[in-house]
N, C-alpha and C. Protein backbone atom coordinates (compact mmCIF):
# COMPACT_ATOMS: atom_id res chain seq x y z
N MET A 1 0.84 -1.18 0.00
CA MET A 1 0.00 0.00 0.00
C MET A 1 0.89 1.24 0.00
N PRO A 2 0.70 2.15 -0.95
CA PRO A 2 1.55 3.33 -1.03
C PRO A 2 1.27 4.29 0.12
N ASN A 3 2.31 5.00 0.49
CA ASN A 3 2.16 6.03 1.52
C ASN A 3 1.71 7.33 0.89
N ARG A 4 1.03 8.12 1.70
CA ARG A 4 0.58 9.44 1.28
C ARG A 4 1.10 10.45 2.29
N ALA A 5 1.05 11.71 1.92
CA ALA A 5 1.53 12.77 2.82
C ALA A 5 0.64 14.00 2.68
N ILE A 6 0.63 14.79 3.73
CA ILE A 6 -0.08 16.07 3.76
C ILE A 6 0.83 17.07 4.48
N ALA A 7 0.87 18.28 3.96
CA ALA A 7 1.57 19.38 4.63
C ALA A 7 0.60 20.56 4.70
N TYR A 8 0.62 21.24 5.83
CA TYR A 8 -0.25 22.41 5.98
C TYR A 8 0.40 23.41 6.93
N VAL A 9 -0.12 24.64 6.90
CA VAL A 9 0.25 25.67 7.86
C VAL A 9 -1.03 26.15 8.53
N SER A 10 -0.88 26.67 9.74
CA SER A 10 -2.02 27.24 10.46
C SER A 10 -1.47 28.17 11.53
N GLU A 11 -2.38 28.86 12.19
CA GLU A 11 -2.01 29.79 13.26
C GLU A 11 -2.54 29.27 14.59
N ALA A 12 -1.73 29.38 15.62
CA ALA A 12 -2.17 29.00 16.97
C ALA A 12 -3.25 29.97 17.42
N VAL A 13 -4.22 29.46 18.17
CA VAL A 13 -5.25 30.33 18.73
C VAL A 13 -4.63 31.22 19.80
N SER A 14 -5.28 32.32 20.06
CA SER A 14 -4.83 33.24 21.10
C SER A 14 -4.75 32.51 22.44
N GLY A 15 -3.68 32.74 23.18
CA GLY A 15 -3.51 32.12 24.49
C GLY A 15 -3.00 30.69 24.46
N PHE A 16 -2.55 30.24 23.30
CA PHE A 16 -2.01 28.88 23.18
C PHE A 16 -0.76 28.77 24.04
N SER A 17 -0.76 27.83 24.97
CA SER A 17 0.31 27.73 25.97
C SER A 17 1.24 26.54 25.70
N PRO A 18 2.44 26.58 26.29
CA PRO A 18 3.35 25.43 26.17
C PRO A 18 2.73 24.15 26.73
N GLU A 19 1.92 24.26 27.77
CA GLU A 19 1.26 23.09 28.34
C GLU A 19 0.25 22.50 27.35
N ARG A 20 -0.45 23.37 26.66
CA ARG A 20 -1.42 22.90 25.67
C ARG A 20 -0.69 22.25 24.49
N LEU A 21 0.45 22.80 24.12
CA LEU A 21 1.25 22.22 23.04
C LEU A 21 1.71 20.82 23.42
N LYS A 22 2.20 20.65 24.65
CA LYS A 22 2.66 19.33 25.09
C LYS A 22 1.52 18.32 25.08
N ALA A 23 0.36 18.71 25.59
CA ALA A 23 -0.80 17.81 25.61
C ALA A 23 -1.23 17.45 24.18
N LEU A 24 -1.20 18.42 23.30
CA LEU A 24 -1.55 18.20 21.90
C LEU A 24 -0.59 17.21 21.25
N MET A 25 0.69 17.37 21.49
CA MET A 25 1.70 16.49 20.90
C MET A 25 1.59 15.07 21.47
N ASP A 26 1.37 14.96 22.76
CA ASP A 26 1.22 13.63 23.38
C ASP A 26 0.01 12.90 22.79
N ASP A 27 -1.10 13.62 22.64
CA ASP A 27 -2.31 13.03 22.08
C ASP A 27 -2.10 12.62 20.62
N ALA A 28 -1.47 13.49 19.83
CA ALA A 28 -1.21 13.19 18.42
C ALA A 28 -0.30 11.97 18.28
N ALA A 29 0.76 11.91 19.08
CA ALA A 29 1.69 10.78 19.01
C ALA A 29 0.98 9.47 19.36
N ARG A 30 0.16 9.52 20.37
CA ARG A 30 -0.59 8.32 20.81
C ARG A 30 -1.52 7.85 19.68
N PHE A 31 -2.25 8.77 19.09
CA PHE A 31 -3.16 8.40 18.01
C PHE A 31 -2.39 7.91 16.79
N ASN A 32 -1.36 8.63 16.40
CA ASN A 32 -0.61 8.31 15.18
C ASN A 32 0.07 6.95 15.25
N ARG A 33 0.52 6.55 16.43
CA ARG A 33 1.12 5.21 16.58
C ARG A 33 0.16 4.14 16.10
N GLY A 34 -1.08 4.24 16.52
CA GLY A 34 -2.09 3.28 16.14
C GLY A 34 -2.50 3.38 14.67
N ALA A 35 -2.41 4.56 14.11
CA ALA A 35 -2.84 4.79 12.72
C ALA A 35 -1.71 4.57 11.72
N GLY A 36 -0.47 4.37 12.22
CA GLY A 36 0.67 4.19 11.32
C GLY A 36 1.14 5.47 10.67
N VAL A 37 0.82 6.61 11.28
CA VAL A 37 1.19 7.92 10.75
C VAL A 37 2.42 8.44 11.48
N THR A 38 3.31 9.07 10.72
CA THR A 38 4.49 9.71 11.31
C THR A 38 4.56 11.14 10.80
N GLY A 39 5.33 11.97 11.51
CA GLY A 39 5.45 13.34 11.03
C GLY A 39 6.12 14.28 12.01
N VAL A 40 6.11 15.54 11.61
CA VAL A 40 6.74 16.58 12.41
C VAL A 40 5.88 17.84 12.36
N LEU A 41 5.86 18.55 13.47
CA LEU A 41 5.17 19.83 13.58
C LEU A 41 6.22 20.88 13.90
N LEU A 42 6.36 21.87 13.02
CA LEU A 42 7.24 23.00 13.28
C LEU A 42 6.40 24.10 13.89
N PHE A 43 6.94 24.78 14.91
CA PHE A 43 6.19 25.82 15.60
C PHE A 43 7.10 26.99 15.89
N ASP A 44 6.67 28.18 15.47
CA ASP A 44 7.49 29.38 15.70
C ASP A 44 6.96 30.24 16.85
N GLY A 45 6.04 29.69 17.62
CA GLY A 45 5.45 30.43 18.73
C GLY A 45 4.09 31.02 18.37
N GLU A 46 3.82 31.14 17.07
CA GLU A 46 2.54 31.67 16.60
C GLU A 46 1.91 30.82 15.50
N ARG A 47 2.76 30.23 14.67
CA ARG A 47 2.28 29.47 13.53
C ARG A 47 2.83 28.05 13.53
N PHE A 48 2.06 27.16 12.93
CA PHE A 48 2.43 25.76 12.79
C PHE A 48 2.67 25.45 11.31
N LEU A 49 3.58 24.53 11.06
CA LEU A 49 3.70 23.86 9.77
C LEU A 49 3.86 22.40 10.10
N GLN A 50 2.95 21.59 9.58
CA GLN A 50 3.01 20.16 9.87
C GLN A 50 3.14 19.36 8.58
N TYR A 51 4.01 18.34 8.64
CA TYR A 51 4.15 17.36 7.57
C TYR A 51 3.83 16.01 8.20
N MET A 52 2.87 15.28 7.61
CA MET A 52 2.49 13.96 8.11
C MET A 52 2.46 12.99 6.94
N GLU A 53 2.81 11.73 7.24
CA GLU A 53 2.83 10.72 6.18
C GLU A 53 2.41 9.38 6.75
N GLY A 54 1.91 8.52 5.86
CA GLY A 54 1.48 7.20 6.29
C GLY A 54 0.48 6.62 5.32
N PRO A 55 -0.14 5.48 5.69
CA PRO A 55 -1.14 4.87 4.82
C PRO A 55 -2.35 5.80 4.69
N ALA A 56 -2.99 5.74 3.52
CA ALA A 56 -4.08 6.67 3.21
C ALA A 56 -5.17 6.69 4.28
N ASP A 57 -5.60 5.52 4.73
CA ASP A 57 -6.69 5.50 5.70
C ASP A 57 -6.29 6.12 7.03
N GLY A 58 -5.11 5.81 7.53
CA GLY A 58 -4.63 6.40 8.78
C GLY A 58 -4.41 7.89 8.66
N LEU A 59 -3.85 8.30 7.53
CA LEU A 59 -3.57 9.72 7.31
C LEU A 59 -4.87 10.52 7.21
N ASP A 60 -5.86 9.97 6.55
CA ASP A 60 -7.15 10.66 6.43
C ASP A 60 -7.78 10.91 7.80
N VAL A 61 -7.73 9.91 8.66
CA VAL A 61 -8.31 10.07 10.00
C VAL A 61 -7.48 11.06 10.82
N ALA A 62 -6.15 10.95 10.74
CA ALA A 62 -5.29 11.87 11.48
C ALA A 62 -5.53 13.31 11.03
N PHE A 63 -5.66 13.51 9.71
CA PHE A 63 -5.86 14.87 9.21
C PHE A 63 -7.26 15.39 9.57
N SER A 64 -8.24 14.52 9.65
CA SER A 64 -9.57 14.98 10.07
C SER A 64 -9.52 15.45 11.53
N ARG A 65 -8.69 14.81 12.33
CA ARG A 65 -8.49 15.29 13.71
C ARG A 65 -7.84 16.67 13.71
N VAL A 66 -6.89 16.87 12.81
CA VAL A 66 -6.22 18.16 12.69
C VAL A 66 -7.22 19.25 12.31
N THR A 67 -8.03 18.97 11.29
CA THR A 67 -8.96 20.00 10.82
C THR A 67 -10.04 20.32 11.85
N GLY A 68 -10.31 19.40 12.75
CA GLY A 68 -11.30 19.64 13.79
C GLY A 68 -10.74 20.19 15.08
N ALA A 69 -9.44 20.35 15.15
CA ALA A 69 -8.80 20.79 16.40
C ALA A 69 -9.10 22.26 16.70
N SER A 70 -9.26 22.56 17.98
CA SER A 70 -9.54 23.94 18.41
C SER A 70 -8.27 24.71 18.77
N SER A 71 -7.12 24.10 18.57
CA SER A 71 -5.85 24.73 18.94
C SER A 71 -5.30 25.66 17.87
N HIS A 72 -5.90 25.63 16.67
CA HIS A 72 -5.39 26.47 15.60
C HIS A 72 -6.51 26.96 14.69
N ILE A 73 -6.18 27.99 13.90
CA ILE A 73 -7.13 28.59 12.96
C ILE A 73 -6.41 28.86 11.64
N HIS A 74 -7.18 29.22 10.64
CA HIS A 74 -6.63 29.61 9.32
C HIS A 74 -5.74 28.53 8.72
N LEU A 75 -6.20 27.30 8.72
CA LEU A 75 -5.43 26.18 8.16
C LEU A 75 -5.39 26.31 6.63
N ILE A 76 -4.18 26.19 6.08
CA ILE A 76 -3.98 26.21 4.63
C ILE A 76 -3.21 24.96 4.25
N GLU A 77 -3.81 24.14 3.43
CA GLU A 77 -3.14 22.92 2.96
C GLU A 77 -2.12 23.31 1.89
N LEU A 78 -0.88 22.90 2.10
CA LEU A 78 0.21 23.20 1.16
C LEU A 78 0.36 22.12 0.10
N ALA A 79 0.17 20.87 0.51
CA ALA A 79 0.34 19.75 -0.43
C ALA A 79 -0.32 18.51 0.13
N ARG A 80 -0.74 17.65 -0.79
CA ARG A 80 -1.33 16.36 -0.43
C ARG A 80 -1.04 15.44 -1.60
N GLY A 81 -0.58 14.23 -1.31
CA GLY A 81 -0.35 13.31 -2.40
C GLY A 81 0.42 12.07 -1.98
N ARG A 82 0.78 11.32 -2.97
CA ARG A 82 1.48 10.06 -2.79
C ARG A 82 2.97 10.33 -2.60
N VAL A 83 3.59 9.56 -1.73
CA VAL A 83 5.04 9.63 -1.56
C VAL A 83 5.62 8.23 -1.74
N GLY A 84 6.75 8.16 -2.41
CA GLY A 84 7.36 6.87 -2.69
C GLY A 84 7.96 6.21 -1.47
N GLN A 85 8.44 7.01 -0.56
CA GLN A 85 9.04 6.47 0.66
C GLN A 85 8.78 7.45 1.79
N ARG A 86 8.82 6.93 3.00
CA ARG A 86 8.67 7.80 4.17
C ARG A 86 9.93 8.62 4.36
N ARG A 87 9.75 9.89 4.61
CA ARG A 87 10.88 10.77 4.91
C ARG A 87 11.13 10.85 6.42
N LEU A 88 10.05 10.65 7.20
CA LEU A 88 10.14 10.76 8.66
C LEU A 88 9.55 9.52 9.34
N PRO A 89 10.20 8.38 9.17
CA PRO A 89 9.62 7.14 9.72
C PRO A 89 9.82 6.97 11.22
N PHE A 90 10.56 7.86 11.86
CA PHE A 90 11.00 7.64 13.23
C PHE A 90 10.13 8.27 14.30
N TRP A 91 9.24 9.20 13.99
CA TRP A 91 8.43 9.85 15.01
C TRP A 91 6.94 9.72 14.71
N PRO A 92 6.13 9.23 15.66
CA PRO A 92 4.69 9.28 15.44
C PRO A 92 4.22 10.74 15.36
N MET A 93 4.90 11.61 16.08
CA MET A 93 4.74 13.06 15.95
C MET A 93 5.79 13.70 16.83
N ARG A 94 6.39 14.75 16.31
CA ARG A 94 7.44 15.46 17.05
C ARG A 94 7.29 16.94 16.77
N CYS A 95 7.43 17.77 17.78
CA CYS A 95 7.36 19.22 17.62
C CYS A 95 8.77 19.79 17.70
N LEU A 96 9.12 20.62 16.73
CA LEU A 96 10.40 21.29 16.72
C LEU A 96 10.17 22.80 16.68
N SER A 97 10.92 23.52 17.50
CA SER A 97 10.84 24.98 17.48
C SER A 97 11.68 25.52 16.34
N VAL A 98 11.11 26.46 15.62
CA VAL A 98 11.81 27.10 14.51
C VAL A 98 11.56 28.60 14.59
N THR A 99 12.33 29.35 13.84
CA THR A 99 12.10 30.79 13.77
C THR A 99 10.97 31.07 12.79
N ALA A 100 10.40 32.25 12.89
CA ALA A 100 9.34 32.64 11.95
C ALA A 100 9.86 32.64 10.52
N ASP A 101 11.11 33.06 10.33
CA ASP A 101 11.71 33.06 8.98
C ASP A 101 11.85 31.65 8.43
N GLU A 102 12.30 30.71 9.27
CA GLU A 102 12.44 29.33 8.81
C GLU A 102 11.08 28.75 8.41
N LEU A 103 10.08 28.98 9.23
CA LEU A 103 8.76 28.45 8.93
C LEU A 103 8.22 29.06 7.63
N ARG A 104 8.37 30.36 7.48
CA ARG A 104 7.90 31.05 6.27
C ARG A 104 8.63 30.54 5.03
N GLU A 105 9.93 30.34 5.14
CA GLU A 105 10.74 29.87 4.02
C GLU A 105 10.29 28.48 3.54
N ILE A 106 10.02 27.60 4.48
CA ILE A 106 9.56 26.25 4.13
C ILE A 106 8.14 26.31 3.55
N ALA A 107 7.27 27.08 4.17
CA ALA A 107 5.88 27.18 3.70
C ALA A 107 5.81 27.73 2.28
N CYS A 108 6.68 28.65 1.95
CA CYS A 108 6.65 29.29 0.62
C CYS A 108 7.44 28.53 -0.44
N ALA A 109 8.14 27.50 -0.05
CA ALA A 109 8.95 26.72 -1.00
C ALA A 109 8.05 25.81 -1.83
N ASP A 110 8.65 25.14 -2.80
CA ASP A 110 7.92 24.27 -3.73
C ASP A 110 7.58 22.93 -3.08
N TRP A 111 6.28 22.69 -2.89
CA TRP A 111 5.79 21.45 -2.30
C TRP A 111 5.35 20.45 -3.36
N THR A 112 5.51 20.76 -4.63
CA THR A 112 5.03 19.90 -5.70
C THR A 112 5.51 18.47 -5.54
N SER A 113 4.57 17.57 -5.43
CA SER A 113 4.84 16.12 -5.35
C SER A 113 5.82 15.73 -4.26
N PHE A 114 6.01 16.59 -3.29
CA PHE A 114 6.94 16.32 -2.17
C PHE A 114 8.34 15.96 -2.69
N ILE A 115 8.74 16.59 -3.78
CA ILE A 115 10.03 16.31 -4.40
C ILE A 115 11.16 16.70 -3.47
N GLN A 116 12.17 15.87 -3.46
CA GLN A 116 13.39 16.14 -2.71
C GLN A 116 14.54 16.08 -3.70
N ARG A 117 15.26 17.19 -3.84
CA ARG A 117 16.37 17.26 -4.77
C ARG A 117 17.72 17.10 -4.09
N ALA A 118 17.75 17.25 -2.77
CA ALA A 118 19.02 17.31 -2.04
C ALA A 118 19.86 18.43 -2.64
N ALA A 119 19.23 19.58 -2.76
CA ALA A 119 19.87 20.74 -3.39
C ALA A 119 21.08 21.20 -2.59
N THR A 120 22.05 21.74 -3.30
CA THR A 120 23.26 22.23 -2.64
C THR A 120 23.11 23.66 -2.17
N GLY A 121 22.19 24.41 -2.74
CA GLY A 121 21.98 25.79 -2.32
C GLY A 121 20.54 26.03 -1.93
N GLN A 122 20.31 27.00 -1.07
CA GLN A 122 18.96 27.31 -0.62
C GLN A 122 18.06 27.78 -1.76
N ALA A 123 18.65 28.43 -2.77
CA ALA A 123 17.85 28.99 -3.85
C ALA A 123 17.10 27.90 -4.63
N ASP A 124 17.72 26.74 -4.80
CA ASP A 124 17.07 25.67 -5.56
C ASP A 124 16.52 24.55 -4.68
N ALA A 125 16.43 24.78 -3.38
CA ALA A 125 15.93 23.77 -2.45
C ALA A 125 14.40 23.73 -2.49
N THR A 126 13.86 22.54 -2.50
CA THR A 126 12.40 22.36 -2.42
C THR A 126 11.96 22.45 -0.96
N ALA A 127 10.66 22.42 -0.76
CA ALA A 127 10.13 22.44 0.60
C ALA A 127 10.63 21.24 1.39
N MET A 128 10.65 20.05 0.76
CA MET A 128 11.13 18.85 1.47
C MET A 128 12.61 18.97 1.80
N ASP A 129 13.41 19.53 0.90
CA ASP A 129 14.83 19.75 1.19
C ASP A 129 14.97 20.62 2.44
N LYS A 130 14.22 21.71 2.47
CA LYS A 130 14.31 22.66 3.59
C LYS A 130 13.80 22.04 4.89
N LEU A 131 12.70 21.30 4.79
CA LEU A 131 12.16 20.64 5.97
C LEU A 131 13.16 19.63 6.54
N LEU A 132 13.72 18.82 5.67
CA LEU A 132 14.65 17.79 6.13
C LEU A 132 15.95 18.37 6.66
N LEU A 133 16.36 19.53 6.18
CA LEU A 133 17.54 20.20 6.75
C LEU A 133 17.32 20.54 8.22
N ILE A 134 16.11 20.94 8.55
CA ILE A 134 15.79 21.27 9.95
C ILE A 134 15.62 20.00 10.78
N VAL A 135 14.99 18.99 10.21
CA VAL A 135 14.67 17.76 10.95
C VAL A 135 15.89 16.87 11.16
N GLU A 136 16.78 16.83 10.19
CA GLU A 136 17.90 15.87 10.21
C GLU A 136 18.71 15.83 11.49
N PRO A 137 19.14 16.95 12.07
CA PRO A 137 19.91 16.85 13.32
C PRO A 137 19.16 16.18 14.46
N TYR A 138 17.85 16.40 14.52
CA TYR A 138 17.02 15.78 15.58
C TYR A 138 16.84 14.29 15.31
N ALA A 139 16.71 13.94 14.04
CA ALA A 139 16.51 12.54 13.66
C ALA A 139 17.74 11.71 13.99
N LYS A 140 18.91 12.28 13.77
CA LYS A 140 20.15 11.55 14.06
C LYS A 140 20.32 11.33 15.56
N ALA A 141 19.79 12.25 16.35
CA ALA A 141 19.91 12.14 17.81
C ALA A 141 18.86 11.19 18.38
N ALA A 142 17.84 10.86 17.60
CA ALA A 142 16.73 10.03 18.10
C ALA A 142 17.13 8.59 18.30
């Protein structure tokens, strides 16, 4: 069964606290383990960018939980589609702190077909290249 992926950005609701973020991540990780979904949530203190991947049925249910969540508003789907291989097989869900510039740069990059070029320069890097540059140090430590 082929894997699928979804990437989106959204804004945290007013008053979103670190305690609420921890509870949200614990709940997502618990659910995703059972659904076979893995991914990462980038957070700059105000905005989220999430990349999730897994089997279509598990991903659909996980994303429906995302769209129904009261922790964020103004959700914009960046990409959805089939992926040949998992890029983040190691975390049912993980939150990483990023700067607003990093989050904006990834959100505005090319998400077409979740292509990864392993670009040598930032100018020609795809969204997946940029995402994996941020995730890689944490993945190696996991």
